[in-house]
């Protein structure tokens, strides 16, 4: 069946994906801001 372990894996996977996306977006935004200043 579809147990709690599957749900934990899905939540963990989404958490990693969101964290990685946030990190990438922040670094890209910082680079864009630096380019605008110069």
C-alpha atoms as a PDB file:
ATOM      1  CA  UNK A   1       0.000   0.000   0.000  1.00  0.00           C
ATOM      2  CA  UNK A   2       0.852   3.672   0.110  1.00  0.00           C
ATOM      3  CA  UNK A   3       2.416   4.102   3.519  1.00  0.00           C
ATOM      4  CA  UNK A   4       3.844   6.949   5.523  1.00  0.00           C
ATOM      5  CA  UNK A   5       7.348   6.067   4.319  1.00  0.00           C
ATOM      6  CA  UNK A   6       6.382   6.863   0.730  1.00  0.00           C
ATOM      7  CA  UNK A   7       4.864  10.146   1.863  1.00  0.00           C
ATOM      8  CA  UNK A   8       8.031  11.047   3.787  1.00  0.00           C
ATOM      9  CA  UNK A   9      10.170  10.330   0.724  1.00  0.00           C
ATOM     10  CA  UNK A  10       7.961  12.533  -1.459  1.00  0.00           C
ATOM     11  CA  UNK A  11       8.022  15.397   1.052  1.00  0.00           C
ATOM     12  CA  UNK A  12      11.792  15.058   1.450  1.00  0.00           C
ATOM     13  CA  UNK A  13      12.277  15.062  -2.326  1.00  0.00           C
ATOM     14  CA  UNK A  14      10.103  18.161  -2.738  1.00  0.00           C
ATOM     15  CA  UNK A  15      11.990  19.854   0.084  1.00  0.00           C
ATOM     16  CA  UNK A  16      15.342  19.204  -1.593  1.00  0.00           C
ATOM     17  CA  UNK A  17      14.020  20.381  -4.956  1.00  0.00           C
ATOM     18  CA  UNK A  18      12.610  23.605  -3.511  1.00  0.00           C
ATOM     19  CA  UNK A  19      15.777  24.282  -1.499  1.00  0.00           C
ATOM     20  CA  UNK A  20      17.954  23.749  -4.582  1.00  0.00           C
ATOM     21  CA  UNK A  21      15.687  25.937  -6.721  1.00  0.00           C
ATOM     22  CA  UNK A  22      15.759  28.697  -4.093  1.00  0.00           C
ATOM     23  CA  UNK A  23      19.556  28.566  -3.884  1.00  0.00           C
ATOM     24  CA  UNK A  24      19.897  28.731  -7.667  1.00  0.00           C
ATOM     25  CA  UNK A  25      17.388  31.592  -7.942  1.00  0.00           C
ATOM     26  CA  UNK A  26      19.120  33.591  -5.211  1.00  0.00           C
ATOM     27  CA  UNK A  27      22.561  33.177  -6.772  1.00  0.00           C
ATOM     28  CA  UNK A  28      21.206  34.167 -10.191  1.00  0.00           C
ATOM     29  CA  UNK A  29      19.457  37.206  -8.686  1.00  0.00           C
ATOM     30  CA  UNK A  30      22.666  38.278  -6.916  1.00  0.00           C
ATOM     31  CA  UNK A  31      24.641  38.026 -10.150  1.00  0.00           C
ATOM     32  CA  UNK A  32      21.967  40.032 -12.000  1.00  0.00           C
ATOM     33  CA  UNK A  33      21.985  42.720  -9.298  1.00  0.00           C
ATOM     34  CA  UNK A  34      25.771  42.990  -9.391  1.00  0.00           C
ATOM     35  CA  UNK A  35      25.725  43.380 -13.165  1.00  0.00           C
ATOM     36  CA  UNK A  36      23.154  46.174 -12.890  1.00  0.00           C
ATOM     37  CA  UNK A  37      25.272  48.113 -10.395  1.00  0.00           C
ATOM     38  CA  UNK A  38      28.409  48.088 -12.514  1.00  0.00           C
END
